[in-house]
Amino acid sequence: MASDILVPLVVFAAIFGVVYVFISARNRERMAMIEKGVDPKDFITRNKISIYAILKWALLLVGVGFGLFIGSLLEAYSEISEEPAYIASALFFGGVGLTAAFFIQKKAEVNK
């Protein structure tokens, strides 16, 4: 009965603690930079989403989706059990997708 209320409190306290540590560490870092005469704005980078990051994630997810499809085919038409078929094919084709993204990015950078 007591654990029903204890679990949400612990989760909330953990989230609060992580956020507090993050904010206080960021503040201490900025104060140290100001004391040394460095402008903190010089170190703030804007999060620009790269076209290659989008390509990488797209090919990874397409590869995993294709791997899950192949895993379902392996499970249906072979004697491989369900879990190894899905996991192995999803990881394999996800890796193939990441490899394809790497070579596409490499080729695009050479052609610049």
N, C-alpha and C. Protein backbone atom coordinates (compact mmCIF):
# COMPACT_ATOMS: atom_id res chain seq x y z
N MET A 1 0.82 -1.18 0.00
CA MET A 1 0.00 0.00 0.00
C MET A 1 0.87 1.25 0.00
N ALA A 2 1.91 1.26 0.82
CA ALA A 2 2.78 2.43 0.89
C ALA A 2 3.63 2.56 -0.37
N SER A 3 3.90 1.44 -1.03
CA SER A 3 4.71 1.50 -2.25
C SER A 3 3.94 2.13 -3.41
N ASP A 4 2.60 2.13 -3.33
CA ASP A 4 1.81 2.76 -4.38
C ASP A 4 2.08 4.25 -4.47
N ILE A 5 2.31 4.90 -3.38
CA ILE A 5 2.59 6.33 -3.37
C ILE A 5 4.09 6.59 -3.42
N LEU A 6 4.89 5.62 -2.97
CA LEU A 6 6.33 5.80 -2.91
C LEU A 6 6.97 5.81 -4.29
N VAL A 7 6.51 4.98 -5.19
CA VAL A 7 7.10 4.89 -6.53
C VAL A 7 6.98 6.21 -7.30
N PRO A 8 5.79 6.83 -7.40
CA PRO A 8 5.72 8.12 -8.11
C PRO A 8 6.55 9.21 -7.45
N LEU A 9 6.62 9.19 -6.12
CA LEU A 9 7.44 10.19 -5.43
C LEU A 9 8.92 10.02 -5.76
N VAL A 10 9.40 8.78 -5.80
CA VAL A 10 10.80 8.53 -6.12
C VAL A 10 11.09 8.92 -7.57
N VAL A 11 10.18 8.61 -8.48
CA VAL A 11 10.38 8.99 -9.88
C VAL A 11 10.41 10.50 -10.02
N PHE A 12 9.47 11.18 -9.38
CA PHE A 12 9.45 12.64 -9.43
C PHE A 12 10.72 13.23 -8.83
N ALA A 13 11.17 12.70 -7.71
CA ALA A 13 12.39 13.20 -7.07
C ALA A 13 13.61 12.97 -7.96
N ALA A 14 13.66 11.84 -8.64
CA ALA A 14 14.79 11.56 -9.53
C ALA A 14 14.81 12.53 -10.70
N ILE A 15 13.65 12.77 -11.30
CA ILE A 15 13.58 13.72 -12.42
C ILE A 15 13.96 15.12 -11.96
N PHE A 16 13.43 15.54 -10.81
CA PHE A 16 13.77 16.84 -10.26
C PHE A 16 15.27 16.95 -9.99
N GLY A 17 15.86 15.90 -9.44
CA GLY A 17 17.29 15.91 -9.14
C GLY A 17 18.14 16.05 -10.39
N VAL A 18 17.79 15.33 -11.44
CA VAL A 18 18.56 15.41 -12.68
C VAL A 18 18.46 16.81 -13.28
N VAL A 19 17.25 17.37 -13.32
CA VAL A 19 17.07 18.72 -13.86
C VAL A 19 17.83 19.74 -13.02
N TYR A 20 17.77 19.61 -11.70
CA TYR A 20 18.47 20.55 -10.82
C TYR A 20 19.98 20.49 -11.03
N VAL A 21 20.53 19.29 -11.12
CA VAL A 21 21.98 19.15 -11.32
C VAL A 21 22.38 19.72 -12.68
N PHE A 22 21.58 19.48 -13.70
CA PHE A 22 21.89 20.01 -15.03
C PHE A 22 21.90 21.54 -15.02
N ILE A 23 20.89 22.14 -14.44
CA ILE A 23 20.80 23.61 -14.43
C ILE A 23 21.90 24.22 -13.58
N SER A 24 22.17 23.65 -12.41
CA SER A 24 23.21 24.22 -11.55
C SER A 24 24.60 24.04 -12.16
N ALA A 25 24.85 22.93 -12.84
CA ALA A 25 26.16 22.74 -13.48
C ALA A 25 26.33 23.71 -14.63
N ARG A 26 25.27 23.94 -15.39
CA ARG A 26 25.34 24.89 -16.50
C ARG A 26 25.61 26.29 -15.97
N ASN A 27 24.97 26.66 -14.86
CA ASN A 27 25.17 27.98 -14.27
C ASN A 27 26.60 28.13 -13.77
N ARG A 28 27.13 27.10 -13.08
CA ARG A 28 28.52 27.17 -12.59
C ARG A 28 29.51 27.29 -13.75
N GLU A 29 29.25 26.57 -14.83
CA GLU A 29 30.14 26.63 -15.99
C GLU A 29 30.13 28.03 -16.60
N ARG A 30 28.97 28.62 -16.73
CA ARG A 30 28.88 29.97 -17.30
C ARG A 30 29.53 31.00 -16.39
N MET A 31 29.36 30.86 -15.08
CA MET A 31 29.99 31.79 -14.15
C MET A 31 31.51 31.69 -14.22
N ALA A 32 32.03 30.48 -14.35
CA ALA A 32 33.48 30.30 -14.47
C ALA A 32 33.99 30.93 -15.76
N MET A 33 33.23 30.82 -16.83
CA MET A 33 33.64 31.43 -18.10
C MET A 33 33.63 32.95 -18.00
N ILE A 34 32.65 33.51 -17.31
CA ILE A 34 32.59 34.96 -17.13
C ILE A 34 33.76 35.43 -16.28
N GLU A 35 34.13 34.69 -15.23
CA GLU A 35 35.26 35.06 -14.39
C GLU A 35 36.56 35.07 -15.16
N LYS A 36 36.69 34.19 -16.14
CA LYS A 36 37.92 34.14 -16.93
C LYS A 36 37.90 35.13 -18.10
N GLY A 37 36.79 35.84 -18.28
CA GLY A 37 36.71 36.84 -19.33
C GLY A 37 36.27 36.31 -20.68
N VAL A 38 35.73 35.13 -20.70
CA VAL A 38 35.25 34.54 -21.95
C VAL A 38 33.76 34.80 -22.06
N ASP A 39 33.31 35.18 -23.24
CA ASP A 39 31.90 35.41 -23.45
C ASP A 39 31.19 34.06 -23.63
N PRO A 40 30.22 33.75 -22.79
CA PRO A 40 29.54 32.45 -22.91
C PRO A 40 28.81 32.26 -24.24
N LYS A 41 28.45 33.34 -24.88
CA LYS A 41 27.74 33.23 -26.16
C LYS A 41 28.63 32.64 -27.26
N ASP A 42 29.94 32.72 -27.07
CA ASP A 42 30.85 32.14 -28.07
C ASP A 42 30.76 30.62 -28.10
N PHE A 43 30.35 30.01 -27.00
CA PHE A 43 30.32 28.55 -26.92
C PHE A 43 28.94 27.96 -27.17
N ILE A 44 27.95 28.83 -27.27
CA ILE A 44 26.60 28.34 -27.53
C ILE A 44 26.46 28.12 -29.03
N THR A 45 26.15 26.90 -29.39
CA THR A 45 25.95 26.58 -30.80
C THR A 45 24.47 26.36 -31.04
N ARG A 46 24.04 26.83 -32.15
CA ARG A 46 22.64 26.63 -32.52
C ARG A 46 22.50 25.22 -33.07
N ASN A 47 21.42 24.58 -32.72
CA ASN A 47 21.18 23.22 -33.17
C ASN A 47 20.61 23.24 -34.58
N LYS A 48 21.49 23.19 -35.54
CA LYS A 48 21.05 23.10 -36.92
C LYS A 48 20.99 21.63 -37.29
N ILE A 49 19.86 21.22 -37.81
CA ILE A 49 19.70 19.82 -38.19
C ILE A 49 20.35 19.63 -39.56
N SER A 50 21.29 18.74 -39.59
CA SER A 50 22.01 18.47 -40.82
C SER A 50 21.18 17.56 -41.71
N ILE A 51 21.32 17.77 -43.01
CA ILE A 51 20.63 16.91 -43.97
C ILE A 51 21.15 15.49 -43.85
N TYR A 52 22.41 15.34 -43.47
CA TYR A 52 22.98 14.00 -43.32
C TYR A 52 22.45 13.30 -42.08
N ALA A 53 22.13 14.04 -41.04
CA ALA A 53 21.53 13.43 -39.85
C ALA A 53 20.14 12.90 -40.17
N ILE A 54 19.40 13.67 -40.95
CA ILE A 54 18.07 13.22 -41.36
C ILE A 54 18.19 11.99 -42.25
N LEU A 55 19.14 12.01 -43.17
CA LEU A 55 19.36 10.86 -44.06
C LEU A 55 19.74 9.62 -43.25
N LYS A 56 20.62 9.81 -42.26
CA LYS A 56 21.06 8.69 -41.43
C LYS A 56 19.89 8.07 -40.68
N TRP A 57 19.08 8.90 -40.03
CA TRP A 57 17.94 8.38 -39.29
C TRP A 57 16.90 7.74 -40.21
N ALA A 58 16.69 8.35 -41.37
CA ALA A 58 15.71 7.80 -42.31
C ALA A 58 16.15 6.42 -42.79
N LEU A 59 17.40 6.28 -43.19
CA LEU A 59 17.87 4.98 -43.67
C LEU A 59 17.94 3.95 -42.54
N LEU A 60 18.25 4.38 -41.32
CA LEU A 60 18.25 3.45 -40.19
C LEU A 60 16.84 2.91 -39.95
N LEU A 61 15.86 3.81 -39.92
CA LEU A 61 14.49 3.37 -39.65
C LEU A 61 13.92 2.54 -40.79
N VAL A 62 14.26 2.90 -42.03
CA VAL A 62 13.83 2.08 -43.17
C VAL A 62 14.46 0.70 -43.08
N GLY A 63 15.74 0.65 -42.72
CA GLY A 63 16.43 -0.63 -42.57
C GLY A 63 15.83 -1.49 -41.48
N VAL A 64 15.52 -0.88 -40.35
CA VAL A 64 14.91 -1.64 -39.25
C VAL A 64 13.52 -2.13 -39.66
N GLY A 65 12.75 -1.28 -40.32
CA GLY A 65 11.43 -1.70 -40.78
C GLY A 65 11.51 -2.84 -41.78
N PHE A 66 12.44 -2.72 -42.71
CA PHE A 66 12.64 -3.80 -43.68
C PHE A 66 13.12 -5.06 -42.98
N GLY A 67 13.97 -4.91 -41.99
CA GLY A 67 14.45 -6.06 -41.23
C GLY A 67 13.34 -6.75 -40.47
N LEU A 68 12.42 -5.98 -39.90
CA LEU A 68 11.28 -6.59 -39.22
C LEU A 68 10.38 -7.33 -40.20
N PHE A 69 10.23 -6.78 -41.40
CA PHE A 69 9.46 -7.46 -42.43
C PHE A 69 10.13 -8.78 -42.83
N ILE A 70 11.43 -8.74 -43.04
CA ILE A 70 12.16 -9.96 -43.39
C ILE A 70 12.11 -10.96 -42.23
N GLY A 71 12.16 -10.46 -41.00
CA GLY A 71 12.04 -11.33 -39.84
C GLY A 71 10.70 -12.04 -39.79
N SER A 72 9.64 -11.32 -40.15
CA SER A 72 8.33 -11.98 -40.18
C SER A 72 8.26 -13.03 -41.27
N LEU A 73 8.92 -12.77 -42.41
CA LEU A 73 8.98 -13.78 -43.47
C LEU A 73 9.79 -14.99 -43.02
N LEU A 74 10.91 -14.74 -42.35
CA LEU A 74 11.73 -15.86 -41.86
C LEU A 74 10.97 -16.71 -40.85
N GLU A 75 10.23 -16.05 -39.99
CA GLU A 75 9.47 -16.80 -38.99
C GLU A 75 8.35 -17.61 -39.65
N ALA A 76 7.71 -17.05 -40.66
CA ALA A 76 6.57 -17.73 -41.28
C ALA A 76 7.00 -18.89 -42.18
N TYR A 77 8.10 -18.71 -42.91
CA TYR A 77 8.46 -19.69 -43.93
C TYR A 77 9.70 -20.50 -43.63
N SER A 78 10.25 -20.41 -42.44
CA SER A 78 11.40 -21.23 -42.08
C SER A 78 11.21 -21.76 -40.67
N GLU A 79 12.17 -22.49 -40.20
CA GLU A 79 12.07 -23.08 -38.87
C GLU A 79 12.76 -22.23 -37.81
N ILE A 80 13.10 -21.01 -38.14
CA ILE A 80 13.72 -20.11 -37.17
C ILE A 80 12.63 -19.60 -36.23
N SER A 81 12.94 -19.58 -34.93
CA SER A 81 11.94 -19.11 -33.97
C SER A 81 11.77 -17.59 -34.10
N GLU A 82 10.74 -17.08 -33.46
CA GLU A 82 10.32 -15.70 -33.66
C GLU A 82 11.37 -14.67 -33.24
N GLU A 83 11.87 -14.74 -32.02
CA GLU A 83 12.74 -13.69 -31.50
C GLU A 83 14.05 -13.54 -32.26
N PRO A 84 14.79 -14.62 -32.52
CA PRO A 84 16.04 -14.43 -33.26
C PRO A 84 15.82 -13.90 -34.69
N ALA A 85 14.74 -14.29 -35.32
CA ALA A 85 14.48 -13.83 -36.68
C ALA A 85 14.25 -12.33 -36.70
N TYR A 86 13.42 -11.83 -35.81
CA TYR A 86 13.13 -10.39 -35.79
C TYR A 86 14.34 -9.57 -35.36
N ILE A 87 14.99 -9.98 -34.29
CA ILE A 87 16.10 -9.20 -33.75
C ILE A 87 17.28 -9.18 -34.72
N ALA A 88 17.65 -10.34 -35.22
CA ALA A 88 18.82 -10.41 -36.10
C ALA A 88 18.59 -9.65 -37.40
N SER A 89 17.44 -9.82 -38.00
CA SER A 89 17.21 -9.15 -39.27
C SER A 89 17.03 -7.64 -39.08
N ALA A 90 16.41 -7.20 -37.98
CA ALA A 90 16.27 -5.77 -37.74
C ALA A 90 17.63 -5.12 -37.51
N LEU A 91 18.48 -5.77 -36.73
CA LEU A 91 19.82 -5.22 -36.51
C LEU A 91 20.66 -5.24 -37.78
N PHE A 92 20.57 -6.32 -38.55
CA PHE A 92 21.36 -6.43 -39.76
C PHE A 92 20.96 -5.36 -40.77
N PHE A 93 19.67 -5.23 -41.04
CA PHE A 93 19.25 -4.25 -42.04
C PHE A 93 19.34 -2.82 -41.52
N GLY A 94 19.25 -2.62 -40.21
CA GLY A 94 19.53 -1.30 -39.65
C GLY A 94 20.99 -0.91 -39.88
N GLY A 95 21.89 -1.86 -39.70
CA GLY A 95 23.31 -1.62 -39.99
C GLY A 95 23.56 -1.38 -41.45
N VAL A 96 22.84 -2.10 -42.31
CA VAL A 96 22.96 -1.86 -43.75
C VAL A 96 22.50 -0.45 -44.09
N GLY A 97 21.43 0.01 -43.45
CA GLY A 97 20.95 1.37 -43.67
C GLY A 97 21.96 2.42 -43.24
N LEU A 98 22.59 2.20 -42.08
CA LEU A 98 23.62 3.14 -41.61
C LEU A 98 24.84 3.13 -42.52
N THR A 99 25.21 1.95 -43.01
CA THR A 99 26.33 1.87 -43.95
C THR A 99 26.01 2.60 -45.24
N ALA A 100 24.79 2.44 -45.73
CA ALA A 100 24.38 3.15 -46.94
C ALA A 100 24.41 4.66 -46.72
N ALA A 101 23.95 5.12 -45.56
CA ALA A 101 23.98 6.55 -45.26
C ALA A 101 25.42 7.07 -45.22
N PHE A 102 26.33 6.28 -44.67
CA PHE A 102 27.73 6.68 -44.62
C PHE A 102 28.30 6.85 -46.02
N PHE A 103 28.05 5.88 -46.89
CA PHE A 103 28.60 5.97 -48.24
C PHE A 103 27.94 7.09 -49.05
N ILE A 104 26.67 7.35 -48.84
CA ILE A 104 26.01 8.45 -49.53
C ILE A 104 26.60 9.78 -49.06
N GLN A 105 26.82 9.93 -47.76
CA GLN A 105 27.41 11.16 -47.23
C GLN A 105 28.84 11.33 -47.73
N LYS A 106 29.59 10.26 -47.75
CA LYS A 106 30.99 10.31 -48.21
C LYS A 106 31.04 10.72 -49.68
N LYS A 107 30.16 10.15 -50.50
CA LYS A 107 30.14 10.48 -51.92
C LYS A 107 29.72 11.94 -52.14
N ALA A 108 28.76 12.41 -51.33
CA ALA A 108 28.30 13.80 -51.47
C ALA A 108 29.39 14.78 -51.07
N GLU A 109 30.17 14.45 -50.04
CA GLU A 109 31.24 15.34 -49.61
C GLU A 109 32.39 15.38 -50.60
N VAL A 110 32.64 14.28 -51.30
CA VAL A 110 33.70 14.25 -52.32
C VAL A 110 33.27 15.09 -53.52
N ASN A 111 32.00 15.08 -53.84
CA ASN A 111 31.51 15.81 -55.01
C ASN A 111 31.34 17.30 -54.76
N LYS A 112 31.52 17.77 -53.54
CA LYS A 112 31.36 19.21 -53.25
C LYS A 112 32.45 20.01 -53.85
